[in-house]
Amino acid sequence: MIKFYTNRDLSQRFDINFAKWKRWSREFLPPDFLGGLQSGYARQYNQNEAFTVYLGGLLVADLKFSIPDAKKILEELHDWLTASVLCTDFDTPKKDVKGTKGQGEQYQILIQAVNNRTASTVKFFTAIRCILADESITIHGNPARRFQYLETVLNNTETKPCDDDMLSARVLNISRVFARFKKTLNSEVLNIVSD
Protein backbone atom coordinates (compact mmCIF):
# COMPACT_ATOMS: atom_id res chain seq x y z
CA MET A 1 0.00 0.00 0.00
CA ILE A 2 1.38 3.42 -0.99
CA LYS A 3 1.53 5.94 1.84
CA PHE A 4 1.14 9.67 1.31
CA TYR A 5 2.30 12.47 3.58
CA THR A 6 1.36 16.14 3.95
CA ASN A 7 3.66 19.16 4.32
CA ARG A 8 2.89 19.48 8.01
CA ASP A 9 3.41 15.77 8.67
CA LEU A 10 6.81 15.77 6.96
CA SER A 11 7.98 19.04 8.51
CA GLN A 12 7.10 17.69 11.98
CA ARG A 13 8.69 14.29 11.36
CA PHE A 14 11.98 15.82 10.21
CA ASP A 15 11.86 18.77 12.61
CA ILE A 16 12.08 21.26 9.74
CA ASN A 17 10.28 24.59 9.81
CA PHE A 18 6.93 24.23 8.02
CA ALA A 19 7.45 27.25 5.74
CA LYS A 20 10.97 26.08 4.86
CA TRP A 21 9.70 22.59 3.94
CA LYS A 22 7.01 24.10 1.68
CA ARG A 23 9.58 26.40 0.04
CA TRP A 24 11.91 23.45 -0.61
CA SER A 25 9.05 21.42 -2.08
CA ARG A 26 8.22 24.25 -4.50
CA GLU A 27 11.90 24.43 -5.51
CA PHE A 28 12.72 20.73 -5.86
CA LEU A 29 9.47 19.22 -7.16
CA PRO A 30 7.34 20.04 -10.20
CA PRO A 31 4.12 21.97 -9.53
CA ASP A 32 1.31 20.05 -7.87
CA PHE A 33 -1.75 20.21 -10.10
CA LEU A 34 -4.12 18.82 -7.47
CA GLY A 35 -2.91 20.70 -4.41
CA GLY A 36 -2.46 24.39 -3.88
CA LEU A 37 -3.99 27.44 -2.30
CA GLN A 38 -6.76 27.84 -4.84
CA SER A 39 -7.77 24.18 -5.11
CA GLY A 40 -8.39 23.71 -1.40
CA TYR A 41 -6.39 20.45 -1.37
CA ALA A 42 -3.11 20.03 0.51
CA ARG A 43 -0.16 18.64 -1.42
CA GLN A 44 0.51 14.98 -0.73
CA TYR A 45 3.91 13.35 -1.12
CA ASN A 46 4.86 9.76 -1.82
CA GLN A 47 8.12 8.50 -0.30
CA ASN A 48 10.23 9.32 -3.37
CA GLU A 49 8.95 12.90 -3.54
CA ALA A 50 9.51 13.36 0.20
CA PHE A 51 13.09 12.07 -0.16
CA THR A 52 13.76 14.45 -3.07
CA VAL A 53 12.68 17.44 -0.96
CA TYR A 54 14.59 16.14 2.08
CA LEU A 55 17.80 15.59 0.10
CA GLY A 56 17.50 18.94 -1.69
CA GLY A 57 17.02 20.66 1.65
CA LEU A 58 20.06 18.86 3.08
CA LEU A 59 22.18 20.06 0.14
CA VAL A 60 21.07 23.65 0.82
CA ALA A 61 20.93 23.74 4.63
CA ASP A 62 23.81 21.45 5.62
CA LEU A 63 26.17 21.42 2.63
CA LYS A 64 25.55 25.11 1.82
CA PHE A 65 24.80 24.77 -1.90
CA SER A 66 22.62 27.41 -3.51
CA ILE A 67 19.11 26.35 -4.59
CA PRO A 68 20.07 26.36 -8.33
CA ASP A 69 23.19 24.28 -7.59
CA ALA A 70 21.19 21.84 -5.43
CA LYS A 71 18.66 21.45 -8.28
CA LYS A 72 21.49 20.67 -10.71
CA ILE A 73 23.00 18.12 -8.29
CA LEU A 74 19.61 16.43 -7.75
CA GLU A 75 19.17 16.24 -11.52
CA GLU A 76 22.58 14.57 -11.90
CA LEU A 77 21.83 12.13 -9.07
CA HIS A 78 18.28 11.30 -10.22
CA ASP A 79 19.04 8.26 -12.40
CA TRP A 80 21.44 6.75 -9.88
CA LEU A 81 19.09 7.31 -6.96
CA THR A 82 16.05 5.83 -8.71
CA ALA A 83 18.04 2.77 -9.83
CA SER A 84 20.05 2.39 -6.63
CA VAL A 85 19.60 -0.34 -4.10
CA LEU A 86 19.17 2.38 -1.47
CA CYS A 87 16.02 4.01 -2.79
CA THR A 88 14.28 1.33 -4.80
CA ASP A 89 10.63 1.20 -3.71
CA PHE A 90 11.96 1.74 -0.19
CA ASP A 91 11.66 -2.01 0.42
CA THR A 92 12.78 -4.18 -2.48
CA PRO A 93 16.27 -4.03 -4.02
CA LYS A 94 16.74 -3.89 -7.78
CA LYS A 95 19.33 -5.59 -9.92
CA ASP A 96 22.92 -4.33 -10.10
CA VAL A 97 23.24 -0.91 -11.76
CA LYS A 98 26.23 1.30 -12.55
CA GLY A 99 27.84 2.30 -9.25
CA THR A 100 25.63 0.01 -7.17
CA LYS A 101 26.75 -3.43 -6.05
CA GLY A 102 24.90 -4.69 -3.01
CA GLN A 103 22.50 -3.77 -0.28
CA GLY A 104 24.92 -4.02 2.65
CA GLU A 105 27.52 -1.65 1.24
CA GLN A 106 27.88 1.98 2.21
CA TYR A 107 27.78 4.77 -0.38
CA GLN A 108 29.14 8.28 -0.38
CA ILE A 109 28.59 10.97 -2.97
CA LEU A 110 31.54 13.22 -3.81
CA ILE A 111 30.39 16.57 -5.19
CA GLN A 112 33.04 18.95 -6.43
CA ALA A 113 32.66 22.24 -8.28
CA VAL A 114 34.77 22.35 -11.42
CA ASN A 115 36.65 25.60 -11.83
CA ASN A 116 35.63 26.83 -15.29
CA ARG A 117 36.19 30.57 -15.59
CA THR A 118 34.79 30.81 -19.14
CA ALA A 119 31.35 29.32 -18.38
CA SER A 120 28.59 31.39 -16.81
CA THR A 121 27.21 28.43 -14.83
CA VAL A 122 28.90 26.19 -12.29
CA LYS A 123 29.60 22.61 -13.33
CA PHE A 124 29.98 19.76 -10.88
CA PHE A 125 32.11 16.64 -10.85
CA THR A 126 29.86 14.06 -9.17
CA ALA A 127 30.97 10.56 -8.25
CA ILE A 128 29.53 7.69 -6.21
CA ARG A 129 31.91 5.98 -3.82
CA CYS A 130 31.00 2.46 -2.80
CA ILE A 131 32.97 1.67 0.39
CA LEU A 132 34.45 -1.80 -0.05
CA ALA A 133 36.61 -1.89 3.09
CA ASP A 134 37.05 0.22 6.21
CA GLU A 135 39.75 -0.74 8.69
CA SER A 136 41.40 0.83 11.73
CA ILE A 137 45.16 1.20 11.39
CA THR A 138 48.03 2.96 13.16
CA ILE A 139 50.34 5.36 11.34
CA HIS A 140 53.40 6.67 13.25
CA GLY A 141 51.71 5.69 16.51
CA ASN A 142 48.49 7.57 15.71
CA PRO A 143 45.14 5.88 15.13
CA ALA A 144 43.82 6.19 11.58
CA ARG A 145 41.33 4.58 9.22
CA ARG A 146 41.98 3.15 5.79
CA PHE A 147 39.17 3.06 3.25
CA GLN A 148 39.03 1.14 0.04
CA TYR A 149 36.30 2.26 -2.33
CA LEU A 150 35.10 1.91 -5.87
CA GLU A 151 34.39 5.30 -7.46
CA THR A 152 31.95 5.70 -10.35
CA VAL A 153 31.77 9.09 -12.07
CA LEU A 154 28.16 10.05 -12.78
CA ASN A 155 28.62 12.96 -15.14
CA ASN A 156 31.07 13.68 -17.89
CA THR A 157 32.51 17.13 -17.34
CA GLU A 158 34.79 18.56 -20.02
CA THR A 159 37.37 19.30 -17.38
CA LYS A 160 38.58 17.01 -14.63
CA PRO A 161 38.77 18.81 -11.30
CA CYS A 162 42.26 20.04 -10.47
CA ASP A 163 43.86 20.06 -7.01
CA ASP A 164 42.87 23.71 -6.48
CA ASP A 165 39.22 22.72 -6.86
CA MET A 166 39.47 20.36 -3.88
CA LEU A 167 38.66 23.35 -1.66
CA SER A 168 35.09 23.07 -2.89
CA ALA A 169 34.69 19.29 -2.57
CA ARG A 170 31.88 18.01 -0.35
CA VAL A 171 31.12 14.42 0.61
CA LEU A 172 27.59 13.26 1.40
CA ASN A 173 27.17 9.91 3.14
CA ILE A 174 24.05 9.00 1.18
CA SER A 175 23.63 5.59 2.87
CA ARG A 176 23.30 7.20 6.29
CA VAL A 177 21.12 10.02 4.96
CA PHE A 178 18.73 7.51 3.45
CA ALA A 179 18.72 5.30 6.55
CA ARG A 180 17.89 8.32 8.76
CA PHE A 181 15.19 9.43 6.31
CA LYS A 182 13.59 5.98 6.21
CA LYS A 183 13.71 5.54 10.00
CA THR A 184 12.18 8.98 10.60
CA LEU A 185 9.52 8.49 7.94
CA ASN A 186 8.45 5.19 9.47
CA SER A 187 8.35 6.53 13.03
CA GLU A 188 5.10 7.61 14.63
CA VAL A 189 4.62 11.32 15.22
CA LEU A 190 2.13 12.63 17.76
CA ASN A 191 -0.15 15.64 17.32
CA ILE A 192 -0.08 15.69 13.52
CA VAL A 193 -2.36 18.37 12.16
CA SER A 194 -3.30 18.43 8.48
CA ASP A 195 -2.49 21.40 6.24
C-alpha atoms as a PDB file:
ATOM      1  CA  MET A   1       0.000   0.000   0.000  1.00  0.00           C
ATOM      2  CA  ILE A   2       1.378   3.422  -0.994  1.00  0.00           C
ATOM      3  CA  LYS A   3       1.535   5.942   1.841  1.00  0.00           C
ATOM      4  CA  PHE A   4       1.138   9.670   1.314  1.00  0.00           C
ATOM      5  CA  TYR A   5       2.300  12.467   3.583  1.00  0.00           C
ATOM      6  CA  THR A   6       1.356  16.140   3.954  1.00  0.00           C
ATOM      7  CA  ASN A   7       3.660  19.158   4.320  1.00  0.00           C
ATOM      8  CA  ARG A   8       2.886  19.478   8.014  1.00  0.00           C
ATOM      9  CA  ASP A   9       3.406  15.771   8.670  1.00  0.00           C
ATOM     10  CA  LEU A  10       6.807  15.772   6.956  1.00  0.00           C
ATOM     11  CA  SER A  11       7.976  19.041   8.512  1.00  0.00           C
ATOM     12  CA  GLN A  12       7.104  17.687  11.976  1.00  0.00           C
ATOM     13  CA  ARG A  13       8.693  14.288  11.361  1.00  0.00           C
ATOM     14  CA  PHE A  14      11.984  15.821  10.211  1.00  0.00           C
ATOM     15  CA  ASP A  15      11.857  18.774  12.613  1.00  0.00           C
ATOM     16  CA  ILE A  16      12.082  21.263   9.741  1.00  0.00           C
ATOM     17  CA  ASN A  17      10.280  24.592   9.814  1.00  0.00           C
ATOM     18  CA  PHE A  18       6.926  24.226   8.021  1.00  0.00           C
ATOM     19  CA  ALA A  19       7.448  27.253   5.738  1.00  0.00           C
ATOM     20  CA  LYS A  20      10.967  26.081   4.864  1.00  0.00           C
ATOM     21  CA  TRP A  21       9.696  22.594   3.935  1.00  0.00           C
ATOM     22  CA  LYS A  22       7.012  24.095   1.682  1.00  0.00           C
ATOM     23  CA  ARG A  23       9.577  26.403   0.043  1.00  0.00           C
ATOM     24  CA  TRP A  24      11.907  23.455  -0.612  1.00  0.00           C
ATOM     25  CA  SER A  25       9.045  21.416  -2.076  1.00  0.00           C
ATOM     26  CA  ARG A  26       8.224  24.247  -4.501  1.00  0.00           C
ATOM     27  CA  GLU A  27      11.897  24.430  -5.514  1.00  0.00           C
ATOM     28  CA  PHE A  28      12.721  20.732  -5.859  1.00  0.00           C
ATOM     29  CA  LEU A  29       9.469  19.218  -7.165  1.00  0.00           C
ATOM     30  CA  PRO A  30       7.337  20.043 -10.200  1.00  0.00           C
ATOM     31  CA  PRO A  31       4.121  21.972  -9.527  1.00  0.00           C
ATOM     32  CA  ASP A  32       1.311  20.046  -7.866  1.00  0.00           C
ATOM     33  CA  PHE A  33      -1.746  20.206 -10.103  1.00  0.00           C
ATOM     34  CA  LEU A  34      -4.122  18.821  -7.465  1.00  0.00           C
ATOM     35  CA  GLY A  35      -2.905  20.698  -4.406  1.00  0.00           C
ATOM     36  CA  GLY A  36      -2.461  24.394  -3.881  1.00  0.00           C
ATOM     37  CA  LEU A  37      -3.987  27.440  -2.300  1.00  0.00           C
ATOM     38  CA  GLN A  38      -6.756  27.837  -4.840  1.00  0.00           C
ATOM     39  CA  SER A  39      -7.771  24.179  -5.109  1.00  0.00           C
ATOM     40  CA  GLY A  40      -8.392  23.706  -1.401  1.00  0.00           C
ATOM     41  CA  TYR A  41      -6.385  20.451  -1.365  1.00  0.00           C
ATOM     42  CA  ALA A  42      -3.115  20.026   0.512  1.00  0.00           C
ATOM     43  CA  ARG A  43      -0.159  18.641  -1.421  1.00  0.00           C
ATOM     44  CA  GLN A  44       0.509  14.978  -0.735  1.00  0.00           C
ATOM     45  CA  TYR A  45       3.908  13.351  -1.122  1.00  0.00           C
ATOM     46  CA  ASN A  46       4.862   9.763  -1.818  1.00  0.00           C
ATOM     47  CA  GLN A  47       8.123   8.504  -0.301  1.00  0.00           C
ATOM     48  CA  ASN A  48      10.229   9.319  -3.373  1.00  0.00           C
ATOM     49  CA  GLU A  49       8.953  12.901  -3.538  1.00  0.00           C
ATOM     50  CA  ALA A  50       9.506  13.356   0.202  1.00  0.00           C
ATOM     51  CA  PHE A  51      13.091  12.070  -0.161  1.00  0.00           C
ATOM     52  CA  THR A  52      13.756  14.455  -3.072  1.00  0.00           C
ATOM     53  CA  VAL A  53      12.677  17.439  -0.958  1.00  0.00           C
ATOM     54  CA  TYR A  54      14.593  16.141   2.085  1.00  0.00           C
ATOM     55  CA  LEU A  55      17.804  15.593   0.103  1.00  0.00           C
ATOM     56  CA  GLY A  56      17.501  18.938  -1.690  1.00  0.00           C
ATOM     57  CA  GLY A  57      17.017  20.664   1.654  1.00  0.00           C
ATOM     58  CA  LEU A  58      20.059  18.861   3.078  1.00  0.00           C
ATOM     59  CA  LEU A  59      22.177  20.055   0.140  1.00  0.00           C
ATOM     60  CA  VAL A  60      21.068  23.645   0.815  1.00  0.00           C
ATOM     61  CA  ALA A  61      20.935  23.744   4.635  1.00  0.00           C
ATOM     62  CA  ASP A  62      23.812  21.454   5.624  1.00  0.00           C
ATOM     63  CA  LEU A  63      26.168  21.415   2.631  1.00  0.00           C
ATOM     64  CA  LYS A  64      25.551  25.110   1.817  1.00  0.00           C
ATOM     65  CA  PHE A  65      24.801  24.771  -1.895  1.00  0.00           C
ATOM     66  CA  SER A  66      22.616  27.405  -3.510  1.00  0.00           C
ATOM     67  CA  ILE A  67      19.108  26.346  -4.594  1.00  0.00           C
ATOM     68  CA  PRO A  68      20.068  26.365  -8.331  1.00  0.00           C
ATOM     69  CA  ASP A  69      23.187  24.283  -7.585  1.00  0.00           C
ATOM     70  CA  ALA A  70      21.187  21.845  -5.432  1.00  0.00           C
ATOM     71  CA  LYS A  71      18.660  21.448  -8.278  1.00  0.00           C
ATOM     72  CA  LYS A  72      21.486  20.675 -10.706  1.00  0.00           C
ATOM     73  CA  ILE A  73      23.003  18.124  -8.293  1.00  0.00           C
ATOM     74  CA  LEU A  74      19.612  16.432  -7.755  1.00  0.00           C
ATOM     75  CA  GLU A  75      19.168  16.241 -11.523  1.00  0.00           C
ATOM     76  CA  GLU A  76      22.580  14.570 -11.905  1.00  0.00           C
ATOM     77  CA  LEU A  77      21.830  12.128  -9.073  1.00  0.00           C
ATOM     78  CA  HIS A  78      18.285  11.298 -10.219  1.00  0.00           C
ATOM     79  CA  ASP A  79      19.045   8.260 -12.404  1.00  0.00           C
ATOM     80  CA  TRP A  80      21.445   6.751  -9.882  1.00  0.00           C
ATOM     81  CA  LEU A  81      19.086   7.312  -6.958  1.00  0.00           C
ATOM     82  CA  THR A  82      16.053   5.834  -8.714  1.00  0.00           C
ATOM     83  CA  ALA A  83      18.040   2.768  -9.830  1.00  0.00           C
ATOM     84  CA  SER A  84      20.051   2.394  -6.634  1.00  0.00           C
ATOM     85  CA  VAL A  85      19.601  -0.344  -4.096  1.00  0.00           C
ATOM     86  CA  LEU A  86      19.167   2.383  -1.467  1.00  0.00           C
ATOM     87  CA  CYS A  87      16.024   4.006  -2.790  1.00  0.00           C
ATOM     88  CA  THR A  88      14.278   1.325  -4.800  1.00  0.00           C
ATOM     89  CA  ASP A  89      10.634   1.204  -3.713  1.00  0.00           C
ATOM     90  CA  PHE A  90      11.961   1.736  -0.188  1.00  0.00           C
ATOM     91  CA  ASP A  91      11.656  -2.014   0.419  1.00  0.00           C
ATOM     92  CA  THR A  92      12.782  -4.184  -2.478  1.00  0.00           C
ATOM     93  CA  PRO A  93      16.272  -4.034  -4.017  1.00  0.00           C
ATOM     94  CA  LYS A  94      16.743  -3.892  -7.780  1.00  0.00           C
ATOM     95  CA  LYS A  95      19.332  -5.594  -9.922  1.00  0.00           C
ATOM     96  CA  ASP A  96      22.916  -4.328 -10.097  1.00  0.00           C
ATOM     97  CA  VAL A  97      23.244  -0.913 -11.757  1.00  0.00           C
ATOM     98  CA  LYS A  98      26.228   1.300 -12.548  1.00  0.00           C
ATOM     99  CA  GLY A  99      27.842   2.299  -9.253  1.00  0.00           C
ATOM    100  CA  THR A 100      25.628   0.005  -7.173  1.00  0.00           C
ATOM    101  CA  LYS A 101      26.750  -3.435  -6.052  1.00  0.00           C
ATOM    102  CA  GLY A 102      24.898  -4.687  -3.014  1.00  0.00           C
ATOM    103  CA  GLN A 103      22.497  -3.768  -0.278  1.00  0.00           C
ATOM    104  CA  GLY A 104      24.918  -4.023   2.652  1.00  0.00           C
ATOM    105  CA  GLU A 105      27.520  -1.646   1.241  1.00  0.00           C
ATOM    106  CA  GLN A 106      27.880   1.982   2.213  1.00  0.00           C
ATOM    107  CA  TYR A 107      27.780   4.767  -0.379  1.00  0.00           C
ATOM    108  CA  GLN A 108      29.135   8.284  -0.378  1.00  0.00           C
ATOM    109  CA  ILE A 109      28.593  10.971  -2.974  1.00  0.00           C
ATOM    110  CA  LEU A 110      31.541  13.224  -3.810  1.00  0.00           C
ATOM    111  CA  ILE A 111      30.388  16.574  -5.190  1.00  0.00           C
ATOM    112  CA  GLN A 112      33.044  18.952  -6.434  1.00  0.00           C
ATOM    113  CA  ALA A 113      32.656  22.242  -8.283  1.00  0.00           C
ATOM    114  CA  VAL A 114      34.771  22.350 -11.425  1.00  0.00           C
ATOM    115  CA  ASN A 115      36.650  25.603 -11.832  1.00  0.00           C
ATOM    116  CA  ASN A 116      35.629  26.826 -15.290  1.00  0.00           C
ATOM    117  CA  ARG A 117      36.192  30.575 -15.594  1.00  0.00           C
ATOM    118  CA  THR A 118      34.788  30.807 -19.139  1.00  0.00           C
ATOM    119  CA  ALA A 119      31.355  29.318 -18.381  1.00  0.00           C
ATOM    120  CA  SER A 120      28.587  31.390 -16.813  1.00  0.00           C
ATOM    121  CA  THR A 121      27.207  28.431 -14.827  1.00  0.00           C
ATOM    122  CA  VAL A 122      28.905  26.194 -12.293  1.00  0.00           C
ATOM    123  CA  LYS A 123      29.599  22.613 -13.325  1.00  0.00           C
ATOM    124  CA  PHE A 124      29.980  19.761 -10.881  1.00  0.00           C
ATOM    125  CA  PHE A 125      32.105  16.642 -10.851  1.00  0.00           C
ATOM    126  CA  THR A 126      29.860  14.060  -9.168  1.00  0.00           C
ATOM    127  CA  ALA A 127      30.974  10.558  -8.246  1.00  0.00           C
ATOM    128  CA  ILE A 128      29.534   7.690  -6.213  1.00  0.00           C
ATOM    129  CA  ARG A 129      31.908   5.984  -3.825  1.00  0.00           C
ATOM    130  CA  CYS A 130      31.000   2.465  -2.797  1.00  0.00           C
ATOM    131  CA  ILE A 131      32.969   1.673   0.387  1.00  0.00           C
ATOM    132  CA  LEU A 132      34.455  -1.800  -0.053  1.00  0.00           C
ATOM    133  CA  ALA A 133      36.612  -1.892   3.088  1.00  0.00           C
ATOM    134  CA  ASP A 134      37.046   0.224   6.211  1.00  0.00           C
ATOM    135  CA  GLU A 135      39.750  -0.741   8.694  1.00  0.00           C
ATOM    136  CA  SER A 136      41.401   0.827  11.728  1.00  0.00           C
ATOM    137  CA  ILE A 137      45.159   1.195  11.389  1.00  0.00           C
ATOM    138  CA  THR A 138      48.026   2.962  13.160  1.00  0.00           C
ATOM    139  CA  ILE A 139      50.342   5.364  11.344  1.00  0.00           C
ATOM    140  CA  HIS A 140      53.403   6.673  13.247  1.00  0.00           C
ATOM    141  CA  GLY A 141      51.712   5.685  16.513  1.00  0.00           C
ATOM    142  CA  ASN A 142      48.495   7.571  15.712  1.00  0.00           C
ATOM    143  CA  PRO A 143      45.139   5.879  15.127  1.00  0.00           C
ATOM    144  CA  ALA A 144      43.819   6.192  11.579  1.00  0.00           C
ATOM    145  CA  ARG A 145      41.330   4.575   9.224  1.00  0.00           C
ATOM    146  CA  ARG A 146      41.983   3.152   5.787  1.00  0.00           C
ATOM    147  CA  PHE A 147      39.168   3.061   3.255  1.00  0.00           C
ATOM    148  CA  GLN A 148      39.033   1.135   0.035  1.00  0.00           C
ATOM    149  CA  TYR A 149      36.301   2.260  -2.329  1.00  0.00           C
ATOM    150  CA  LEU A 150      35.095   1.914  -5.874  1.00  0.00           C
ATOM    151  CA  GLU A 151      34.390   5.296  -7.461  1.00  0.00           C
ATOM    152  CA  THR A 152      31.955   5.699 -10.352  1.00  0.00           C
ATOM    153  CA  VAL A 153      31.766   9.093 -12.073  1.00  0.00           C
ATOM    154  CA  LEU A 154      28.156  10.050 -12.777  1.00  0.00           C
ATOM    155  CA  ASN A 155      28.615  12.962 -15.135  1.00  0.00           C
ATOM    156  CA  ASN A 156      31.067  13.684 -17.891  1.00  0.00           C
ATOM    157  CA  THR A 157      32.507  17.132 -17.345  1.00  0.00           C
ATOM    158  CA  GLU A 158      34.786  18.563 -20.022  1.00  0.00           C
ATOM    159  CA  THR A 159      37.372  19.302 -17.377  1.00  0.00           C
ATOM    160  CA  LYS A 160      38.576  17.015 -14.635  1.00  0.00           C
ATOM    161  CA  PRO A 161      38.772  18.809 -11.297  1.00  0.00           C
ATOM    162  CA  CYS A 162      42.258  20.040 -10.468  1.00  0.00           C
ATOM    163  CA  ASP A 163      43.856  20.062  -7.013  1.00  0.00           C
ATOM    164  CA  ASP A 164      42.873  23.708  -6.480  1.00  0.00           C
ATOM    165  CA  ASP A 165      39.220  22.719  -6.864  1.00  0.00           C
ATOM    166  CA  MET A 166      39.465  20.357  -3.884  1.00  0.00           C
ATOM    167  CA  LEU A 167      38.662  23.348  -1.657  1.00  0.00           C
ATOM    168  CA  SER A 168      35.088  23.074  -2.894  1.00  0.00           C
ATOM    169  CA  ALA A 169      34.693  19.289  -2.573  1.00  0.00           C
ATOM    170  CA  ARG A 170      31.883  18.009  -0.351  1.00  0.00           C
ATOM    171  CA  VAL A 171      31.119  14.420   0.609  1.00  0.00           C
ATOM    172  CA  LEU A 172      27.592  13.264   1.399  1.00  0.00           C
ATOM    173  CA  ASN A 173      27.170   9.913   3.144  1.00  0.00           C
ATOM    174  CA  ILE A 174      24.052   8.999   1.180  1.00  0.00           C
ATOM    175  CA  SER A 175      23.634   5.591   2.865  1.00  0.00           C
ATOM    176  CA  ARG A 176      23.296   7.204   6.288  1.00  0.00           C
ATOM    177  CA  VAL A 177      21.124  10.025   4.960  1.00  0.00           C
ATOM    178  CA  PHE A 178      18.734   7.515   3.446  1.00  0.00           C
ATOM    179  CA  ALA A 179      18.719   5.300   6.553  1.00  0.00           C
ATOM    180  CA  ARG A 180      17.889   8.325   8.757  1.00  0.00           C
ATOM    181  CA  PHE A 181      15.186   9.434   6.309  1.00  0.00           C
ATOM    182  CA  LYS A 182      13.592   5.983   6.208  1.00  0.00           C
ATOM    183  CA  LYS A 183      13.709   5.544   9.998  1.00  0.00           C
ATOM    184  CA  THR A 184      12.177   8.983  10.600  1.00  0.00           C
ATOM    185  CA  LEU A 185       9.520   8.487   7.940  1.00  0.00           C
ATOM    186  CA  ASN A 186       8.449   5.187   9.471  1.00  0.00           C
ATOM    187  CA  SER A 187       8.352   6.534  13.033  1.00  0.00           C
ATOM    188  CA  GLU A 188       5.104   7.613  14.625  1.00  0.00           C
ATOM    189  CA  VAL A 189       4.625  11.325  15.216  1.00  0.00           C
ATOM    190  CA  LEU A 190       2.131  12.630  17.764  1.00  0.00           C
ATOM    191  CA  ASN A 191      -0.147  15.640  17.320  1.00  0.00           C
ATOM    192  CA  ILE A 192      -0.080  15.690  13.523  1.00  0.00           C
ATOM    193  CA  VAL A 193      -2.360  18.371  12.162  1.00  0.00           C
ATOM    194  CA  SER A 194      -3.301  18.432   8.482  1.00  0.00           C
ATOM    195  CA  ASP A 195      -2.488  21.396   6.242  1.00  0.00           C
END
